[in-house]
Amino acid sequence: MDAVIIAAGFGSRISALSDSKPLTPVCGIPLIELGVRQLAAAGVDRVTVVTGHEGARVEAFLAGLSARMGLAIHAERVDDWSRPNGFSVIAGADRVAALGGRDFLLVMADHMFAAEILQRLAREGAPDRGVTLAIDRRIDNPLVDPDDATWVRTQADGRIAAIGKTIPAYDAVDCGAFLVTPELPEAIASAIAAGKGGSLSDGMQVLADRGRAATMEIAGAWWLDVDDPRAHAIAEEQAPAQLNLMGST
């Protein structure tokens, strides 16, 4: 199974701790390595990492990680890492297709997940959906930063009605883990053609409007967006007990 990790952005909110978000260590292990190991534990055997800011450093680390793990890790660098993250999704999907793949797990480089989230998500594919998003119904989850969260409003059948950081009504939060089909990069491109900025959420909304955006509830499982020093401190404290990857070499 393929996976794509988005690791292109600057990471301004965590820059006080590190000049490369993907290489920021948590309990001595870079975030990007934790992400790769989480995906491998979910059954992924090939990972594409979309790089940008500090791309050469991240790619050099990935080459060594690939050798250590015996796992195929490919880097796909975007020319302009300041553009919205949907451009990175398109770049990653193009590399997956070039390698002969199709559907893939998609995560952000700064997100951590309990093992069962990605393991369950990998099995969620179905013909009636173009994407499946892991969602947390705990909109008051103390680990979630409400000022940075992407919110989701679902329909009665669990499909997405609306998604974004500023939607007025919501009943879940986007966990940052997706099972993607080729419909999602096409939807992002469609949103860009219609004048949208090109964020991942723009493409998700296109699929939601088509009735093709499904969800998977994480049922209280642990996850964390390590996006700023506060979240990093939480990760240092909680990750050893929450992740079965800690201590791996």
C-alpha atoms as a PDB file:
ATOM      1  CA  MET A   1       0.000   0.000   0.000  1.00  0.00           C
ATOM      2  CA  ASP A   2       1.139   3.543  -0.758  1.00  0.00           C
ATOM      3  CA  ALA A   3       1.201   6.536   1.551  1.00  0.00           C
ATOM      4  CA  VAL A   4       1.953  10.228   1.092  1.00  0.00           C
ATOM      5  CA  ILE A   5       3.304  12.511   3.809  1.00  0.00           C
ATOM      6  CA  ILE A   6       3.006  16.275   3.325  1.00  0.00           C
ATOM      7  CA  ALA A   7       6.236  17.833   4.622  1.00  0.00           C
ATOM      8  CA  ALA A   8       6.781  20.881   2.425  1.00  0.00           C
ATOM      9  CA  GLY A   9       5.773  23.880   4.544  1.00  0.00           C
ATOM     10  CA  PHE A  10       7.849  26.222   6.677  1.00  0.00           C
ATOM     11  CA  GLY A  11       6.235  25.414  10.019  1.00  0.00           C
ATOM     12  CA  SER A  12       6.307  28.956  11.385  1.00  0.00           C
ATOM     13  CA  ARG A  13       4.460  28.078  14.594  1.00  0.00           C
ATOM     14  CA  ILE A  14       7.143  25.622  15.677  1.00  0.00           C
ATOM     15  CA  SER A  15      10.140  27.519  14.301  1.00  0.00           C
ATOM     16  CA  ALA A  16      11.207  28.552  17.816  1.00  0.00           C
ATOM     17  CA  LEU A  17      12.106  24.896  18.403  1.00  0.00           C
ATOM     18  CA  SER A  18      13.381  23.836  14.990  1.00  0.00           C
ATOM     19  CA  ASP A  19      14.118  25.276  11.550  1.00  0.00           C
ATOM     20  CA  SER A  20      12.627  22.149   9.925  1.00  0.00           C
ATOM     21  CA  LYS A  21       9.289  20.880  11.188  1.00  0.00           C
ATOM     22  CA  PRO A  22       9.710  17.357   9.726  1.00  0.00           C
ATOM     23  CA  LEU A  23      13.076  16.998  11.467  1.00  0.00           C
ATOM     24  CA  THR A  24      11.838  18.293  14.832  1.00  0.00           C
ATOM     25  CA  PRO A  25      12.543  15.542  17.370  1.00  0.00           C
ATOM     26  CA  VAL A  26       9.962  14.148  19.755  1.00  0.00           C
ATOM     27  CA  CYS A  27      11.568  11.982  22.418  1.00  0.00           C
ATOM     28  CA  GLY A  28      14.697  11.989  20.252  1.00  0.00           C
ATOM     29  CA  ILE A  29      12.987  10.813  17.045  1.00  0.00           C
ATOM     30  CA  PRO A  30      12.263  13.234  14.167  1.00  0.00           C
ATOM     31  CA  LEU A  31       8.585  13.762  13.402  1.00  0.00           C
ATOM     32  CA  ILE A  32       9.035  12.553   9.843  1.00  0.00           C
ATOM     33  CA  GLU A  33      10.489   9.255  11.073  1.00  0.00           C
ATOM     34  CA  LEU A  34       7.623   8.779  13.488  1.00  0.00           C
ATOM     35  CA  GLY A  35       5.216   9.378  10.615  1.00  0.00           C
ATOM     36  CA  VAL A  36       6.910   6.832   8.371  1.00  0.00           C
ATOM     37  CA  ARG A  37       6.990   4.242  11.153  1.00  0.00           C
ATOM     38  CA  GLN A  38       3.296   4.778  11.923  1.00  0.00           C
ATOM     39  CA  LEU A  39       2.446   4.175   8.279  1.00  0.00           C
ATOM     40  CA  ALA A  40       4.625   1.071   8.068  1.00  0.00           C
ATOM     41  CA  ALA A  41       2.815  -0.316  11.123  1.00  0.00           C
ATOM     42  CA  ALA A  42      -0.468   0.222   9.237  1.00  0.00           C
ATOM     43  CA  GLY A  43       0.724  -1.960   6.353  1.00  0.00           C
ATOM     44  CA  VAL A  44       2.233   0.672   4.053  1.00  0.00           C
ATOM     45  CA  ASP A  45       5.183  -0.611   2.017  1.00  0.00           C
ATOM     46  CA  ARG A  46       5.964   2.511  -0.028  1.00  0.00           C
ATOM     47  CA  VAL A  47       5.996   6.123   1.175  1.00  0.00           C
ATOM     48  CA  THR A  48       6.185   9.330  -0.849  1.00  0.00           C
ATOM     49  CA  VAL A  49       7.238  12.406   1.125  1.00  0.00           C
ATOM     50  CA  VAL A  50       6.450  15.778  -0.449  1.00  0.00           C
ATOM     51  CA  THR A  51       9.285  18.123   0.516  1.00  0.00           C
ATOM     52  CA  GLY A  52       9.892  21.849   0.110  1.00  0.00           C
ATOM     53  CA  HIS A  53      11.356  24.000   2.890  1.00  0.00           C
ATOM     54  CA  GLU A  54      14.780  22.601   3.889  1.00  0.00           C
ATOM     55  CA  GLY A  55      14.124  19.980   1.228  1.00  0.00           C
ATOM     56  CA  ALA A  56      17.720  18.835   0.801  1.00  0.00           C
ATOM     57  CA  ARG A  57      18.135  18.160   4.540  1.00  0.00           C
ATOM     58  CA  VAL A  58      14.836  16.303   4.793  1.00  0.00           C
ATOM     59  CA  GLU A  59      15.595  14.235   1.692  1.00  0.00           C
ATOM     60  CA  ALA A  60      19.057  13.290   2.983  1.00  0.00           C
ATOM     61  CA  PHE A  61      17.483  12.089   6.220  1.00  0.00           C
ATOM     62  CA  LEU A  62      14.853  10.105   4.321  1.00  0.00           C
ATOM     63  CA  ALA A  63      17.519   8.324   2.282  1.00  0.00           C
ATOM     64  CA  GLY A  64      19.155   7.107   5.475  1.00  0.00           C
ATOM     65  CA  LEU A  65      15.804   6.180   7.013  1.00  0.00           C
ATOM     66  CA  SER A  66      14.877   4.146   3.950  1.00  0.00           C
ATOM     67  CA  ALA A  67      18.116   2.191   4.249  1.00  0.00           C
ATOM     68  CA  ARG A  68      17.655   1.613   7.997  1.00  0.00           C
ATOM     69  CA  MET A  69      14.057   0.448   7.670  1.00  0.00           C
ATOM     70  CA  GLY A  70      14.346  -1.422   4.386  1.00  0.00           C
ATOM     71  CA  LEU A  71      11.315   0.554   3.195  1.00  0.00           C
ATOM     72  CA  ALA A  72      10.830   2.323  -0.140  1.00  0.00           C
ATOM     73  CA  ILE A  73      10.726   6.075   0.606  1.00  0.00           C
ATOM     74  CA  HIS A  74      10.519   8.509  -2.305  1.00  0.00           C
ATOM     75  CA  ALA A  75      10.880  12.286  -2.095  1.00  0.00           C
ATOM     76  CA  GLU A  76       8.888  14.609  -4.353  1.00  0.00           C
ATOM     77  CA  ARG A  77       9.952  18.238  -3.971  1.00  0.00           C
ATOM     78  CA  VAL A  78       7.550  21.073  -4.814  1.00  0.00           C
ATOM     79  CA  ASP A  79       8.973  24.183  -6.443  1.00  0.00           C
ATOM     80  CA  ASP A  80       7.025  26.661  -4.309  1.00  0.00           C
ATOM     81  CA  TRP A  81       6.467  25.348  -0.783  1.00  0.00           C
ATOM     82  CA  SER A  82       4.622  28.526   0.209  1.00  0.00           C
ATOM     83  CA  ARG A  83       1.576  27.524  -1.849  1.00  0.00           C
ATOM     84  CA  PRO A  84      -1.422  25.870  -0.133  1.00  0.00           C
ATOM     85  CA  ASN A  85      -1.105  22.220   0.831  1.00  0.00           C
ATOM     86  CA  GLY A  86      -3.381  21.003  -1.940  1.00  0.00           C
ATOM     87  CA  PHE A  87      -0.522  21.519  -4.384  1.00  0.00           C
ATOM     88  CA  SER A  88       1.540  19.093  -2.295  1.00  0.00           C
ATOM     89  CA  VAL A  89      -1.299  16.555  -2.400  1.00  0.00           C
ATOM     90  CA  ILE A  90      -1.378  16.782  -6.195  1.00  0.00           C
ATOM     91  CA  ALA A  91       2.408  16.358  -6.376  1.00  0.00           C
ATOM     92  CA  GLY A  92       2.293  13.343  -4.080  1.00  0.00           C
ATOM     93  CA  ALA A  93      -0.560  11.740  -6.002  1.00  0.00           C
ATOM     94  CA  ASP A  94       1.303  12.244  -9.274  1.00  0.00           C
ATOM     95  CA  ARG A  95       4.349  10.448  -7.844  1.00  0.00           C
ATOM     96  CA  VAL A  96       2.192   7.578  -6.548  1.00  0.00           C
ATOM     97  CA  ALA A  97       0.646   7.213 -10.019  1.00  0.00           C
ATOM     98  CA  ALA A  98       4.089   7.317 -11.672  1.00  0.00           C
ATOM     99  CA  LEU A  99       5.177   4.471  -9.388  1.00  0.00           C
ATOM    100  CA  GLY A 100       2.178   2.414 -10.486  1.00  0.00           C
ATOM    101  CA  GLY A 101      -0.007   3.056  -7.445  1.00  0.00           C
ATOM    102  CA  ARG A 102      -3.495   4.460  -7.091  1.00  0.00           C
ATOM    103  CA  ASP A 103      -5.148   4.889  -3.678  1.00  0.00           C
ATOM    104  CA  PHE A 104      -3.015   5.935  -0.712  1.00  0.00           C
ATOM    105  CA  LEU A 105      -3.033   6.984   2.913  1.00  0.00           C
ATOM    106  CA  LEU A 106      -2.349  10.696   3.307  1.00  0.00           C
ATOM    107  CA  VAL A 107      -1.007  12.293   6.498  1.00  0.00           C
ATOM    108  CA  MET A 108       0.728  15.485   7.532  1.00  0.00           C
ATOM    109  CA  ALA A 109       4.344  15.356   8.756  1.00  0.00           C
ATOM    110  CA  ASP A 110       3.433  16.909  12.108  1.00  0.00           C
ATOM    111  CA  HIS A 111       0.582  14.548  13.065  1.00  0.00           C
ATOM    112  CA  MET A 112       0.796  11.556  15.406  1.00  0.00           C
ATOM    113  CA  PHE A 113      -1.776   8.772  15.646  1.00  0.00           C
ATOM    114  CA  ALA A 114      -2.507   5.778  17.821  1.00  0.00           C
ATOM    115  CA  ALA A 115      -1.821   2.704  15.716  1.00  0.00           C
ATOM    116  CA  GLU A 116      -5.449   1.689  15.317  1.00  0.00           C
ATOM    117  CA  ILE A 117      -6.419   4.915  13.515  1.00  0.00           C
ATOM    118  CA  LEU A 118      -4.246   4.351  10.456  1.00  0.00           C
ATOM    119  CA  GLN A 119      -4.760   0.587  10.541  1.00  0.00           C
ATOM    120  CA  ARG A 120      -8.537   1.040  10.417  1.00  0.00           C
ATOM    121  CA  LEU A 121      -8.393   3.844   7.862  1.00  0.00           C
ATOM    122  CA  ALA A 122      -6.370   1.707   5.452  1.00  0.00           C
ATOM    123  CA  ARG A 123      -9.348  -0.685   5.267  1.00  0.00           C
ATOM    124  CA  GLU A 124     -12.020   1.962   4.632  1.00  0.00           C
ATOM    125  CA  GLY A 125     -11.921   2.043   0.847  1.00  0.00           C
ATOM    126  CA  ALA A 126     -15.230   1.552  -0.975  1.00  0.00           C
ATOM    127  CA  PRO A 127     -16.679   2.372  -4.412  1.00  0.00           C
ATOM    128  CA  ASP A 128     -19.144   4.877  -2.931  1.00  0.00           C
ATOM    129  CA  ARG A 129     -16.474   7.391  -1.875  1.00  0.00           C
ATOM    130  CA  GLY A 130     -13.603   9.366  -3.347  1.00  0.00           C
ATOM    131  CA  VAL A 131     -11.944  10.053  -0.007  1.00  0.00           C
ATOM    132  CA  THR A 132     -12.327   8.972   3.614  1.00  0.00           C
ATOM    133  CA  LEU A 133     -11.306  11.332   6.410  1.00  0.00           C
ATOM    134  CA  ALA A 134     -10.561  10.314   9.994  1.00  0.00           C
ATOM    135  CA  ILE A 135     -12.625  12.555  12.283  1.00  0.00           C
ATOM    136  CA  ASP A 136     -12.821  13.133  16.030  1.00  0.00           C
ATOM    137  CA  ARG A 137     -16.305  13.827  17.408  1.00  0.00           C
ATOM    138  CA  ARG A 138     -14.755  15.309  20.560  1.00  0.00           C
ATOM    139  CA  ILE A 139     -14.881  18.934  19.465  1.00  0.00           C
ATOM    140  CA  ASP A 140     -13.779  19.898  22.970  1.00  0.00           C
ATOM    141  CA  ASN A 141     -10.773  17.519  22.950  1.00  0.00           C
ATOM    142  CA  PRO A 142      -8.163  19.356  25.084  1.00  0.00           C
ATOM    143  CA  LEU A 143      -5.391  18.198  22.748  1.00  0.00           C
ATOM    144  CA  VAL A 144      -6.950  20.136  19.851  1.00  0.00           C
ATOM    145  CA  ASP A 145      -5.998  23.775  19.289  1.00  0.00           C
ATOM    146  CA  PRO A 146      -9.356  25.369  18.383  1.00  0.00           C
ATOM    147  CA  ASP A 147      -7.655  28.326  16.713  1.00  0.00           C
ATOM    148  CA  ASP A 148      -5.821  26.068  14.257  1.00  0.00           C
ATOM    149  CA  ALA A 149      -8.208  23.132  13.842  1.00  0.00           C
ATOM    150  CA  THR A 150      -9.986  22.223  10.620  1.00  0.00           C
ATOM    151  CA  TRP A 151     -13.623  21.626  11.484  1.00  0.00           C
ATOM    152  CA  VAL A 152     -16.114  19.274   9.854  1.00  0.00           C
ATOM    153  CA  ARG A 153     -19.898  19.281   9.653  1.00  0.00           C
ATOM    154  CA  THR A 154     -21.320  15.892   8.802  1.00  0.00           C
ATOM    155  CA  GLN A 155     -24.614  14.721   7.371  1.00  0.00           C
ATOM    156  CA  ALA A 156     -26.846  12.117   8.995  1.00  0.00           C
ATOM    157  CA  ASP A 157     -25.066   9.346   7.069  1.00  0.00           C
ATOM    158  CA  GLY A 158     -21.633  10.523   8.278  1.00  0.00           C
ATOM    159  CA  ARG A 159     -20.573  12.035   4.974  1.00  0.00           C
ATOM    160  CA  ILE A 160     -19.032  15.488   4.971  1.00  0.00           C
ATOM    161  CA  ALA A 161     -21.336  18.443   4.401  1.00  0.00           C
ATOM    162  CA  ALA A 162     -18.767  21.199   5.053  1.00  0.00           C
ATOM    163  CA  ILE A 163     -15.102  21.412   6.004  1.00  0.00           C
ATOM    164  CA  GLY A 164     -12.767  24.303   6.825  1.00  0.00           C
ATOM    165  CA  LYS A 165     -11.157  26.339   9.563  1.00  0.00           C
ATOM    166  CA  THR A 166     -13.895  28.964   9.636  1.00  0.00           C
ATOM    167  CA  ILE A 167     -17.164  27.126   8.965  1.00  0.00           C
ATOM    168  CA  PRO A 168     -19.858  28.451  11.341  1.00  0.00           C
ATOM    169  CA  ALA A 169     -21.258  25.106  12.509  1.00  0.00           C
ATOM    170  CA  TYR A 170     -19.492  21.789  12.987  1.00  0.00           C
ATOM    171  CA  ASP A 171     -19.748  18.484  14.842  1.00  0.00           C
ATOM    172  CA  ALA A 172     -16.247  17.014  14.402  1.00  0.00           C
ATOM    173  CA  VAL A 173     -12.616  17.916  13.892  1.00  0.00           C
ATOM    174  CA  ASP A 174     -10.407  16.809  11.002  1.00  0.00           C
ATOM    175  CA  CYS A 175      -7.651  14.518  12.377  1.00  0.00           C
ATOM    176  CA  GLY A 176      -5.354  15.003   9.363  1.00  0.00           C
ATOM    177  CA  ALA A 177      -5.437  11.400   8.097  1.00  0.00           C
ATOM    178  CA  PHE A 178      -7.113  10.474   4.808  1.00  0.00           C
ATOM    179  CA  LEU A 179      -7.597   7.471   2.558  1.00  0.00           C
ATOM    180  CA  VAL A 180      -7.328   9.050  -0.883  1.00  0.00           C
ATOM    181  CA  THR A 181      -8.388   7.989  -4.360  1.00  0.00           C
ATOM    182  CA  PRO A 182      -7.490   9.869  -7.565  1.00  0.00           C
ATOM    183  CA  GLU A 183     -10.722  11.818  -7.115  1.00  0.00           C
ATOM    184  CA  LEU A 184      -9.155  14.051  -4.452  1.00  0.00           C
ATOM    185  CA  PRO A 185      -6.260  15.531  -6.475  1.00  0.00           C
ATOM    186  CA  GLU A 186      -8.697  16.023  -9.348  1.00  0.00           C
ATOM    187  CA  ALA A 187     -11.074  17.836  -7.002  1.00  0.00           C
ATOM    188  CA  ILE A 188      -8.264  20.104  -5.746  1.00  0.00           C
ATOM    189  CA  ALA A 189      -7.359  20.949  -9.341  1.00  0.00           C
ATOM    190  CA  SER A 190     -11.030  21.651 -10.041  1.00  0.00           C
ATOM    191  CA  ALA A 191     -11.201  23.998  -7.046  1.00  0.00           C
ATOM    192  CA  ILE A 192      -8.096  25.844  -8.238  1.00  0.00           C
ATOM    193  CA  ALA A 193      -9.593  26.199 -11.711  1.00  0.00           C
ATOM    194  CA  ALA A 194     -12.690  27.693 -10.085  1.00  0.00           C
ATOM    195  CA  GLY A 195     -10.611  30.357  -8.348  1.00  0.00           C
ATOM    196  CA  LYS A 196      -9.962  28.746  -4.953  1.00  0.00           C
ATOM    197  CA  GLY A 197      -6.540  28.986  -3.353  1.00  0.00           C
ATOM    198  CA  GLY A 198      -5.719  25.306  -3.612  1.00  0.00           C
ATOM    199  CA  SER A 199      -5.897  24.009  -0.063  1.00  0.00           C
ATOM    200  CA  LEU A 200      -6.612  20.383   0.742  1.00  0.00           C
ATOM    201  CA  SER A 201      -9.872  21.540   2.334  1.00  0.00           C
ATOM    202  CA  ASP A 202     -10.876  23.197  -0.952  1.00  0.00           C
ATOM    203  CA  GLY A 203     -10.660  19.835  -2.687  1.00  0.00           C
ATOM    204  CA  MET A 204     -12.414  18.078   0.171  1.00  0.00           C
ATOM    205  CA  GLN A 205     -15.316  20.509  -0.111  1.00  0.00           C
ATOM    206  CA  VAL A 206     -15.618  19.772  -3.836  1.00  0.00           C
ATOM    207  CA  LEU A 207     -15.917  16.061  -3.067  1.00  0.00           C
ATOM    208  CA  ALA A 208     -18.330  16.791  -0.216  1.00  0.00           C
ATOM    209  CA  ASP A 209     -20.543  18.724  -2.620  1.00  0.00           C
ATOM    210  CA  ARG A 210     -20.477  15.683  -4.912  1.00  0.00           C
ATOM    211  CA  GLY A 211     -21.448  13.347  -2.055  1.00  0.00           C
ATOM    212  CA  ARG A 212     -18.091  11.568  -2.325  1.00  0.00           C
ATOM    213  CA  ALA A 213     -16.418  12.565   0.979  1.00  0.00           C
ATOM    214  CA  ALA A 214     -16.869   9.920   3.679  1.00  0.00           C
ATOM    215  CA  THR A 215     -15.638   9.871   7.267  1.00  0.00           C
ATOM    216  CA  MET A 216     -14.296   7.375   9.780  1.00  0.00           C
ATOM    217  CA  GLU A 217     -14.823   8.168  13.457  1.00  0.00           C
ATOM    218  CA  ILE A 218     -11.739   7.464  15.567  1.00  0.00           C
ATOM    219  CA  ALA A 219     -13.853   6.483  18.609  1.00  0.00           C
ATOM    220  CA  GLY A 220     -11.724   8.219  21.214  1.00  0.00           C
ATOM    221  CA  ALA A 221      -8.329   7.051  19.935  1.00  0.00           C
ATOM    222  CA  TRP A 222      -5.303   9.278  20.614  1.00  0.00           C
ATOM    223  CA  TRP A 223      -3.960  11.715  18.032  1.00  0.00           C
ATOM    224  CA  LEU A 224      -2.026  14.977  18.148  1.00  0.00           C
ATOM    225  CA  ASP A 225      -1.084  17.782  15.766  1.00  0.00           C
ATOM    226  CA  VAL A 226       2.443  18.813  16.816  1.00  0.00           C
ATOM    227  CA  ASP A 227       2.204  22.295  15.377  1.00  0.00           C
ATOM    228  CA  ASP A 228       3.602  24.580  18.095  1.00  0.00           C
ATOM    229  CA  PRO A 229       5.706  24.467  21.294  1.00  0.00           C
ATOM    230  CA  ARG A 230       2.660  23.691  23.455  1.00  0.00           C
ATOM    231  CA  ALA A 231       1.734  20.662  21.366  1.00  0.00           C
ATOM    232  CA  HIS A 232       5.382  19.602  21.233  1.00  0.00           C
ATOM    233  CA  ALA A 233       5.531  19.563  25.028  1.00  0.00           C
ATOM    234  CA  ILE A 234       2.386  17.415  25.113  1.00  0.00           C
ATOM    235  CA  ALA A 235       3.942  15.051  22.573  1.00  0.00           C
ATOM    236  CA  GLU A 236       7.103  14.697  24.655  1.00  0.00           C
ATOM    237  CA  GLU A 237       4.964  13.767  27.661  1.00  0.00           C
ATOM    238  CA  GLN A 238       2.339  11.520  26.074  1.00  0.00           C
ATOM    239  CA  ALA A 239       3.898   9.927  22.984  1.00  0.00           C
ATOM    240  CA  PRO A 240       5.953   7.280  24.826  1.00  0.00           C
ATOM    241  CA  ALA A 241       2.786   5.754  26.300  1.00  0.00           C
ATOM    242  CA  GLN A 242       0.611   6.285  23.204  1.00  0.00           C
ATOM    243  CA  LEU A 243       2.840   5.166  20.320  1.00  0.00           C
ATOM    244  CA  ASN A 244       4.183   1.662  19.878  1.00  0.00           C
ATOM    245  CA  LEU A 245       6.971   3.045  17.696  1.00  0.00           C
ATOM    246  CA  MET A 246       8.925   4.753  20.436  1.00  0.00           C
ATOM    247  CA  GLY A 247      12.359   3.315  20.992  1.00  0.00           C
ATOM    248  CA  SER A 248      12.514   1.852  17.469  1.00  0.00           C
ATOM    249  CA  THR A 249      15.778   2.166  15.594  1.00  0.00           C
END
